[in-house]
């Protein structure tokens, strides 16, 4: 039995990006044979949330000027 590989930072970022856009195929990550751990998902989600909030604040500041 082959041990499961942990996902890389790029794979976690891509997965979270497409999950936030609600776009993706069912077997995409199963085919790659990597698993995103709960910790990776939580940290990635927090970082992605911060990036979205900062982008929205910047957009509002630009629109108000």
N, C-alpha and C. Protein backbone atom coordinates (compact mmCIF):
# COMPACT_ATOMS: atom_id res chain seq x y z
N UNK A 1 0.83 -1.17 0.00
CA UNK A 1 0.00 0.00 0.00
C UNK A 1 0.88 1.24 0.00
N UNK A 2 0.63 2.16 -0.91
CA UNK A 2 1.42 3.37 -1.05
C UNK A 2 0.88 4.44 -0.10
N UNK A 3 1.75 5.08 0.69
CA UNK A 3 1.26 6.15 1.58
C UNK A 3 0.80 7.35 0.77
N UNK A 4 -0.22 8.04 1.28
CA UNK A 4 -0.75 9.20 0.58
C UNK A 4 0.21 10.36 0.71
N UNK A 5 0.36 11.12 -0.38
CA UNK A 5 1.22 12.30 -0.37
C UNK A 5 0.40 13.50 0.07
N UNK A 6 1.04 14.41 0.80
CA UNK A 6 0.39 15.66 1.17
C UNK A 6 0.45 16.60 -0.03
N UNK A 7 -0.54 17.43 -0.16
CA UNK A 7 -0.60 18.39 -1.27
C UNK A 7 0.44 19.49 -1.05
N UNK A 8 0.96 20.01 -2.16
CA UNK A 8 1.90 21.13 -2.08
C UNK A 8 1.13 22.43 -1.87
N UNK A 9 1.86 23.49 -1.61
CA UNK A 9 1.22 24.80 -1.41
C UNK A 9 0.46 25.22 -2.66
N UNK A 10 1.05 25.00 -3.82
CA UNK A 10 0.38 25.36 -5.08
C UNK A 10 -0.90 24.56 -5.30
N UNK A 11 -0.88 23.30 -4.96
CA UNK A 11 -2.07 22.47 -5.12
C UNK A 11 -3.17 22.90 -4.16
N UNK A 12 -2.79 23.27 -2.93
CA UNK A 12 -3.78 23.74 -1.96
C UNK A 12 -4.38 25.06 -2.44
N UNK A 13 -3.53 25.96 -2.92
CA UNK A 13 -4.01 27.26 -3.40
C UNK A 13 -4.95 27.09 -4.59
N UNK A 14 -4.59 26.23 -5.52
CA UNK A 14 -5.45 26.01 -6.69
C UNK A 14 -6.78 25.39 -6.28
N UNK A 15 -6.75 24.45 -5.39
CA UNK A 15 -7.97 23.80 -4.93
C UNK A 15 -8.89 24.81 -4.24
N UNK A 16 -8.33 25.63 -3.35
CA UNK A 16 -9.14 26.62 -2.64
C UNK A 16 -9.67 27.69 -3.59
N UNK A 17 -8.87 28.09 -4.57
CA UNK A 17 -9.33 29.08 -5.55
C UNK A 17 -10.54 28.55 -6.31
N UNK A 18 -10.45 27.34 -6.83
CA UNK A 18 -11.56 26.79 -7.60
C UNK A 18 -12.75 26.46 -6.70
N UNK A 19 -12.49 26.12 -5.45
CA UNK A 19 -13.59 25.87 -4.52
C UNK A 19 -14.34 27.17 -4.22
N UNK A 20 -13.61 28.27 -4.07
CA UNK A 20 -14.25 29.56 -3.83
C UNK A 20 -15.07 30.00 -5.04
N UNK A 21 -14.61 29.63 -6.23
CA UNK A 21 -15.36 29.97 -7.45
C UNK A 21 -16.45 28.95 -7.73
N UNK A 22 -16.50 27.90 -6.91
CA UNK A 22 -17.47 26.81 -7.06
C UNK A 22 -17.36 26.14 -8.43
N UNK A 23 -16.13 25.97 -8.89
CA UNK A 23 -15.87 25.30 -10.16
C UNK A 23 -14.92 24.15 -9.88
N UNK A 24 -15.19 23.01 -10.45
CA UNK A 24 -14.28 21.88 -10.29
C UNK A 24 -14.92 20.58 -10.70
N UNK A 25 -14.07 19.62 -10.94
CA UNK A 25 -14.54 18.29 -11.31
C UNK A 25 -14.41 17.37 -10.11
N UNK A 26 -15.25 16.39 -10.04
CA UNK A 26 -15.30 15.51 -8.88
C UNK A 26 -13.98 14.76 -8.65
N UNK A 27 -13.38 14.23 -9.67
CA UNK A 27 -12.22 13.36 -9.48
C UNK A 27 -10.87 14.00 -9.73
N UNK A 28 -10.80 15.32 -9.77
CA UNK A 28 -9.55 15.98 -10.11
C UNK A 28 -8.43 15.63 -9.14
N UNK A 29 -8.67 15.78 -7.83
CA UNK A 29 -7.61 15.54 -6.86
C UNK A 29 -7.46 14.07 -6.54
N UNK A 30 -8.48 13.28 -6.74
CA UNK A 30 -8.35 11.84 -6.54
C UNK A 30 -7.38 11.26 -7.57
N UNK A 31 -7.40 11.81 -8.76
CA UNK A 31 -6.53 11.33 -9.83
C UNK A 31 -5.07 11.64 -9.52
N UNK A 32 -4.80 12.80 -8.92
CA UNK A 32 -3.43 13.19 -8.63
C UNK A 32 -2.82 12.40 -7.48
N UNK A 33 -3.64 11.81 -6.67
CA UNK A 33 -3.15 10.99 -5.58
C UNK A 33 -2.61 11.77 -4.39
N UNK A 34 -3.02 13.03 -4.25
CA UNK A 34 -2.60 13.82 -3.10
C UNK A 34 -3.81 14.15 -2.25
N UNK A 35 -3.55 14.39 -0.99
CA UNK A 35 -4.63 14.71 -0.07
C UNK A 35 -4.32 16.03 0.63
N UNK A 36 -5.32 16.88 0.70
CA UNK A 36 -5.19 18.12 1.45
C UNK A 36 -5.63 17.83 2.88
N UNK A 37 -4.75 18.14 3.82
CA UNK A 37 -5.08 17.89 5.22
C UNK A 37 -5.99 19.00 5.74
N UNK A 38 -6.62 18.75 6.86
CA UNK A 38 -7.51 19.73 7.47
C UNK A 38 -6.75 21.02 7.80
N UNK A 39 -5.55 20.87 8.30
CA UNK A 39 -4.73 22.04 8.64
C UNK A 39 -4.42 22.89 7.42
N UNK A 40 -4.07 22.23 6.31
CA UNK A 40 -3.80 22.96 5.08
C UNK A 40 -5.04 23.70 4.60
N UNK A 41 -6.19 23.07 4.70
CA UNK A 41 -7.44 23.69 4.25
C UNK A 41 -7.79 24.90 5.13
N UNK A 42 -7.62 24.77 6.44
CA UNK A 42 -7.95 25.87 7.34
C UNK A 42 -7.01 27.06 7.12
N UNK A 43 -5.72 26.80 7.09
CA UNK A 43 -4.75 27.89 6.90
C UNK A 43 -4.95 28.53 5.53
N UNK A 44 -5.14 27.72 4.51
CA UNK A 44 -5.37 28.26 3.17
C UNK A 44 -6.65 29.07 3.09
N UNK A 45 -7.69 28.61 3.77
CA UNK A 45 -8.95 29.34 3.78
C UNK A 45 -8.84 30.68 4.48
N UNK A 46 -8.11 30.73 5.59
CA UNK A 46 -7.90 31.98 6.31
C UNK A 46 -7.11 32.96 5.44
N UNK A 47 -6.05 32.49 4.81
CA UNK A 47 -5.25 33.34 3.95
C UNK A 47 -6.08 33.83 2.76
N UNK A 48 -6.84 32.95 2.15
CA UNK A 48 -7.68 33.34 1.01
C UNK A 48 -8.74 34.35 1.44
N UNK A 49 -9.31 34.17 2.62
CA UNK A 49 -10.30 35.13 3.13
C UNK A 49 -9.68 36.50 3.34
N UNK A 50 -8.48 36.55 3.89
CA UNK A 50 -7.79 37.82 4.09
C UNK A 50 -7.52 38.50 2.75
N UNK A 51 -7.07 37.73 1.77
CA UNK A 51 -6.79 38.29 0.45
C UNK A 51 -8.06 38.86 -0.18
N UNK A 52 -9.18 38.16 -0.06
CA UNK A 52 -10.44 38.64 -0.62
C UNK A 52 -10.87 39.93 0.08
N UNK A 53 -10.77 39.98 1.39
CA UNK A 53 -11.17 41.18 2.13
C UNK A 53 -10.29 42.38 1.75
N UNK A 54 -8.98 42.17 1.66
CA UNK A 54 -8.07 43.25 1.27
C UNK A 54 -8.39 43.72 -0.15
N UNK A 55 -8.66 42.79 -1.05
CA UNK A 55 -9.00 43.17 -2.43
C UNK A 55 -10.30 43.99 -2.47
N UNK A 56 -11.29 43.60 -1.68
CA UNK A 56 -12.55 44.35 -1.66
C UNK A 56 -12.36 45.74 -1.05
N UNK A 57 -11.57 45.86 0.00
CA UNK A 57 -11.30 47.16 0.60
C UNK A 57 -10.59 48.06 -0.40
N UNK A 58 -9.62 47.52 -1.10
CA UNK A 58 -8.90 48.31 -2.11
C UNK A 58 -9.84 48.75 -3.24
N UNK A 59 -10.72 47.87 -3.65
CA UNK A 59 -11.68 48.19 -4.70
C UNK A 59 -12.62 49.29 -4.26
N UNK A 60 -13.10 49.24 -3.02
CA UNK A 60 -13.97 50.29 -2.49
C UNK A 60 -13.23 51.61 -2.39
N UNK A 61 -12.01 51.59 -1.90
CA UNK A 61 -11.22 52.82 -1.83
C UNK A 61 -11.02 53.43 -3.21
N UNK A 62 -10.77 52.60 -4.20
CA UNK A 62 -10.58 53.09 -5.56
C UNK A 62 -11.87 53.67 -6.11
N UNK A 63 -13.01 53.06 -5.79
CA UNK A 63 -14.30 53.54 -6.30
C UNK A 63 -14.73 54.84 -5.62
N UNK A 64 -14.35 55.04 -4.36
CA UNK A 64 -14.77 56.23 -3.63
C UNK A 64 -13.98 57.47 -4.06
N UNK A 65 -12.78 57.29 -4.50
CA UNK A 65 -11.96 58.43 -4.91
C UNK A 65 -12.55 59.18 -6.04
